[in-house]
Amino acid sequence: MRKLKIFICTIVGALCGALLMYLLLPAICNYFVGPVYGEDQMSVNAAIFFIGTPVMFLIGAVVGWFLGWKYIKRPADRAC
């Protein structure tokens, strides 16, 4: 059961990481690219999205796994 809980924490963390990238995408693109005047800027925005989302997905999965591993106690570790 502990492994399933850690797996669920990992999945939730990965989804939160991808959602965070999706929510921060306009601010990141505005900071690095600026206003869009042509296809070149749109291509850079797409590259930021297609590279950043999997990276944030993996970072979120690692953070979710670590927090799940840290806070979900083993049955032997629980106080009676």
N, C-alpha and C. Protein backbone atom coordinates (compact mmCIF):
# COMPACT_ATOMS: atom_id res chain seq x y z
N MET A 1 0.82 -1.19 0.00
CA MET A 1 0.00 0.00 0.00
C MET A 1 0.87 1.26 0.00
N ARG A 2 2.02 1.17 0.68
CA ARG A 2 2.92 2.31 0.75
C ARG A 2 3.44 2.68 -0.64
N LYS A 3 3.79 1.67 -1.43
CA LYS A 3 4.30 1.93 -2.77
C LYS A 3 3.24 2.57 -3.66
N LEU A 4 2.00 2.17 -3.51
CA LEU A 4 0.92 2.76 -4.27
C LEU A 4 0.72 4.22 -3.90
N LYS A 5 0.81 4.54 -2.63
CA LYS A 5 0.68 5.93 -2.19
C LYS A 5 1.82 6.78 -2.73
N ILE A 6 3.02 6.24 -2.72
CA ILE A 6 4.16 6.98 -3.26
C ILE A 6 4.01 7.16 -4.77
N PHE A 7 3.50 6.16 -5.45
CA PHE A 7 3.25 6.26 -6.89
C PHE A 7 2.21 7.34 -7.18
N ILE A 8 1.16 7.39 -6.39
CA ILE A 8 0.13 8.42 -6.57
C ILE A 8 0.71 9.80 -6.32
N CYS A 9 1.55 9.94 -5.30
CA CYS A 9 2.22 11.22 -5.04
C CYS A 9 3.10 11.62 -6.22
N THR A 10 3.75 10.64 -6.83
CA THR A 10 4.60 10.93 -7.99
C THR A 10 3.76 11.41 -9.17
N ILE A 11 2.65 10.76 -9.43
CA ILE A 11 1.78 11.17 -10.53
C ILE A 11 1.19 12.56 -10.28
N VAL A 12 0.74 12.81 -9.07
CA VAL A 12 0.18 14.12 -8.74
C VAL A 12 1.25 15.20 -8.86
N GLY A 13 2.46 14.92 -8.41
CA GLY A 13 3.55 15.87 -8.54
C GLY A 13 3.89 16.17 -9.99
N ALA A 14 3.88 15.14 -10.82
CA ALA A 14 4.17 15.33 -12.24
C ALA A 14 3.09 16.19 -12.91
N LEU A 15 1.86 15.93 -12.58
CA LEU A 15 0.77 16.73 -13.15
C LEU A 15 0.82 18.17 -12.66
N CYS A 16 1.17 18.36 -11.40
CA CYS A 16 1.31 19.72 -10.87
C CYS A 16 2.46 20.45 -11.55
N GLY A 17 3.56 19.75 -11.82
CA GLY A 17 4.67 20.37 -12.54
C GLY A 17 4.29 20.80 -13.94
N ALA A 18 3.58 19.94 -14.65
CA ALA A 18 3.13 20.29 -16.01
C ALA A 18 2.13 21.43 -15.98
N LEU A 19 1.24 21.43 -15.01
CA LEU A 19 0.27 22.51 -14.86
C LEU A 19 0.96 23.82 -14.53
N LEU A 20 1.98 23.77 -13.70
CA LEU A 20 2.73 24.97 -13.37
C LEU A 20 3.40 25.55 -14.61
N MET A 21 3.95 24.71 -15.45
CA MET A 21 4.56 25.19 -16.69
C MET A 21 3.50 25.81 -17.59
N TYR A 22 2.35 25.19 -17.66
CA TYR A 22 1.27 25.71 -18.50
C TYR A 22 0.81 27.08 -17.99
N LEU A 23 0.73 27.23 -16.67
CA LEU A 23 0.27 28.50 -16.10
C LEU A 23 1.33 29.60 -16.21
N LEU A 24 2.59 29.24 -16.11
CA LEU A 24 3.66 30.23 -16.17
C LEU A 24 4.16 30.50 -17.58
N LEU A 25 3.66 29.77 -18.56
CA LEU A 25 4.14 29.91 -19.94
C LEU A 25 4.01 31.34 -20.47
N PRO A 26 2.90 32.04 -20.30
CA PRO A 26 2.84 33.41 -20.83
C PRO A 26 3.89 34.33 -20.23
N ALA A 27 4.12 34.22 -18.93
CA ALA A 27 5.12 35.08 -18.29
C ALA A 27 6.53 34.73 -18.76
N ILE A 28 6.83 33.44 -18.88
CA ILE A 28 8.15 33.01 -19.34
C ILE A 28 8.39 33.46 -20.78
N CYS A 29 7.41 33.25 -21.63
CA CYS A 29 7.56 33.65 -23.03
C CYS A 29 7.68 35.16 -23.17
N ASN A 30 6.92 35.90 -22.38
CA ASN A 30 7.01 37.35 -22.44
C ASN A 30 8.37 37.84 -21.97
N TYR A 31 8.95 37.18 -20.97
CA TYR A 31 10.25 37.58 -20.45
C TYR A 31 11.37 37.28 -21.45
N PHE A 32 11.37 36.08 -22.02
CA PHE A 32 12.46 35.68 -22.90
C PHE A 32 12.28 36.12 -24.35
N VAL A 33 11.05 36.14 -24.84
CA VAL A 33 10.82 36.41 -26.26
C VAL A 33 10.31 37.82 -26.48
N GLY A 34 9.42 38.28 -25.62
CA GLY A 34 8.81 39.58 -25.80
C GLY A 34 7.56 39.46 -26.66
N PRO A 35 7.09 40.58 -27.17
CA PRO A 35 5.88 40.54 -28.00
C PRO A 35 6.11 39.78 -29.30
N VAL A 36 5.07 39.12 -29.77
CA VAL A 36 5.16 38.29 -30.96
C VAL A 36 4.84 39.14 -32.19
N TYR A 37 5.81 39.23 -33.10
CA TYR A 37 5.61 39.98 -34.34
C TYR A 37 5.67 39.09 -35.57
N GLY A 38 6.08 37.85 -35.40
CA GLY A 38 6.18 37.00 -36.58
C GLY A 38 6.28 35.54 -36.19
N GLU A 39 6.53 34.74 -37.21
CA GLU A 39 6.57 33.30 -37.00
C GLU A 39 7.78 32.86 -36.18
N ASP A 40 8.85 33.62 -36.23
CA ASP A 40 10.04 33.26 -35.47
C ASP A 40 9.76 33.28 -33.96
N GLN A 41 9.07 34.32 -33.51
CA GLN A 41 8.74 34.40 -32.09
C GLN A 41 7.76 33.30 -31.68
N MET A 42 6.83 32.97 -32.57
CA MET A 42 5.89 31.90 -32.25
C MET A 42 6.60 30.56 -32.17
N SER A 43 7.60 30.36 -33.02
CA SER A 43 8.36 29.11 -32.98
C SER A 43 9.17 29.00 -31.69
N VAL A 44 9.72 30.11 -31.23
CA VAL A 44 10.46 30.09 -29.97
C VAL A 44 9.51 29.82 -28.81
N ASN A 45 8.33 30.40 -28.83
CA ASN A 45 7.34 30.13 -27.79
C ASN A 45 6.95 28.65 -27.77
N ALA A 46 6.78 28.07 -28.94
CA ALA A 46 6.45 26.64 -29.02
C ALA A 46 7.60 25.79 -28.51
N ALA A 47 8.83 26.18 -28.83
CA ALA A 47 9.99 25.44 -28.33
C ALA A 47 10.06 25.51 -26.81
N ILE A 48 9.80 26.68 -26.25
CA ILE A 48 9.79 26.81 -24.79
C ILE A 48 8.73 25.89 -24.19
N PHE A 49 7.57 25.83 -24.80
CA PHE A 49 6.50 24.97 -24.28
C PHE A 49 6.85 23.49 -24.41
N PHE A 50 7.34 23.09 -25.59
CA PHE A 50 7.59 21.66 -25.82
C PHE A 50 8.84 21.15 -25.10
N ILE A 51 9.72 22.02 -24.72
CA ILE A 51 10.88 21.62 -23.93
C ILE A 51 10.59 21.76 -22.44
N GLY A 52 9.94 22.84 -22.07
CA GLY A 52 9.70 23.13 -20.66
C GLY A 52 8.68 22.22 -20.00
N THR A 53 7.65 21.82 -20.72
CA THR A 53 6.62 20.99 -20.11
C THR A 53 7.14 19.61 -19.69
N PRO A 54 7.86 18.87 -20.53
CA PRO A 54 8.40 17.59 -20.04
C PRO A 54 9.42 17.75 -18.91
N VAL A 55 10.20 18.83 -18.97
CA VAL A 55 11.17 19.07 -17.90
C VAL A 55 10.45 19.32 -16.58
N MET A 56 9.43 20.16 -16.61
CA MET A 56 8.66 20.43 -15.39
C MET A 56 7.88 19.19 -14.95
N PHE A 57 7.43 18.37 -15.89
CA PHE A 57 6.77 17.11 -15.57
C PHE A 57 7.71 16.21 -14.79
N LEU A 58 8.95 16.10 -15.24
CA LEU A 58 9.93 15.25 -14.55
C LEU A 58 10.32 15.83 -13.20
N ILE A 59 10.51 17.13 -13.13
CA ILE A 59 10.85 17.76 -11.84
C ILE A 59 9.71 17.57 -10.85
N GLY A 60 8.47 17.75 -11.31
CA GLY A 60 7.32 17.53 -10.44
C GLY A 60 7.21 16.09 -9.98
N ALA A 61 7.53 15.15 -10.86
CA ALA A 61 7.50 13.74 -10.47
C ALA A 61 8.54 13.43 -9.42
N VAL A 62 9.74 13.98 -9.57
CA VAL A 62 10.79 13.75 -8.58
C VAL A 62 10.41 14.37 -7.23
N VAL A 63 9.88 15.57 -7.26
CA VAL A 63 9.46 16.22 -6.02
C VAL A 63 8.32 15.45 -5.37
N GLY A 64 7.35 15.01 -6.16
CA GLY A 64 6.25 14.21 -5.62
C GLY A 64 6.71 12.91 -5.03
N TRP A 65 7.65 12.23 -5.72
CA TRP A 65 8.20 10.98 -5.19
C TRP A 65 8.94 11.23 -3.89
N PHE A 66 9.76 12.28 -3.84
CA PHE A 66 10.52 12.56 -2.63
C PHE A 66 9.61 12.89 -1.46
N LEU A 67 8.61 13.73 -1.69
CA LEU A 67 7.70 14.08 -0.59
C LEU A 67 6.87 12.88 -0.15
N GLY A 68 6.44 12.06 -1.11
CA GLY A 68 5.70 10.85 -0.75
C GLY A 68 6.56 9.88 0.04
N TRP A 69 7.80 9.71 -0.38
CA TRP A 69 8.73 8.82 0.30
C TRP A 69 9.05 9.32 1.70
N LYS A 70 9.12 10.63 1.85
CA LYS A 70 9.49 11.21 3.13
C LYS A 70 8.33 11.19 4.13
N TYR A 71 7.12 11.47 3.68
CA TYR A 71 6.01 11.66 4.60
C TYR A 71 5.10 10.46 4.77
N ILE A 72 5.18 9.48 3.89
CA ILE A 72 4.37 8.27 4.06
C ILE A 72 5.20 7.28 4.85
N LYS A 73 4.76 7.02 6.05
CA LYS A 73 5.54 6.18 6.97
C LYS A 73 5.36 4.70 6.66
N ARG A 74 6.38 3.94 6.99
CA ARG A 74 6.28 2.48 6.91
C ARG A 74 5.43 1.99 8.07
N PRO A 75 4.78 0.84 7.92
CA PRO A 75 3.96 0.33 9.04
C PRO A 75 4.76 0.13 10.33
N ALA A 76 6.03 -0.24 10.23
CA ALA A 76 6.85 -0.46 11.42
C ALA A 76 7.23 0.87 12.08
N ASP A 77 7.18 1.98 11.35
CA ASP A 77 7.59 3.26 11.90
C ASP A 77 6.49 3.95 12.69
N ARG A 78 5.28 3.47 12.58
CA ARG A 78 4.17 4.14 13.27
C ARG A 78 4.19 3.85 14.76
N ALA A 79 3.84 4.87 15.50
CA ALA A 79 3.77 4.69 16.96
C ALA A 79 2.46 4.01 17.33
N CYS A 80 2.50 3.15 18.32
CA CYS A 80 1.30 2.42 18.74
C CYS A 80 0.50 3.19 19.74
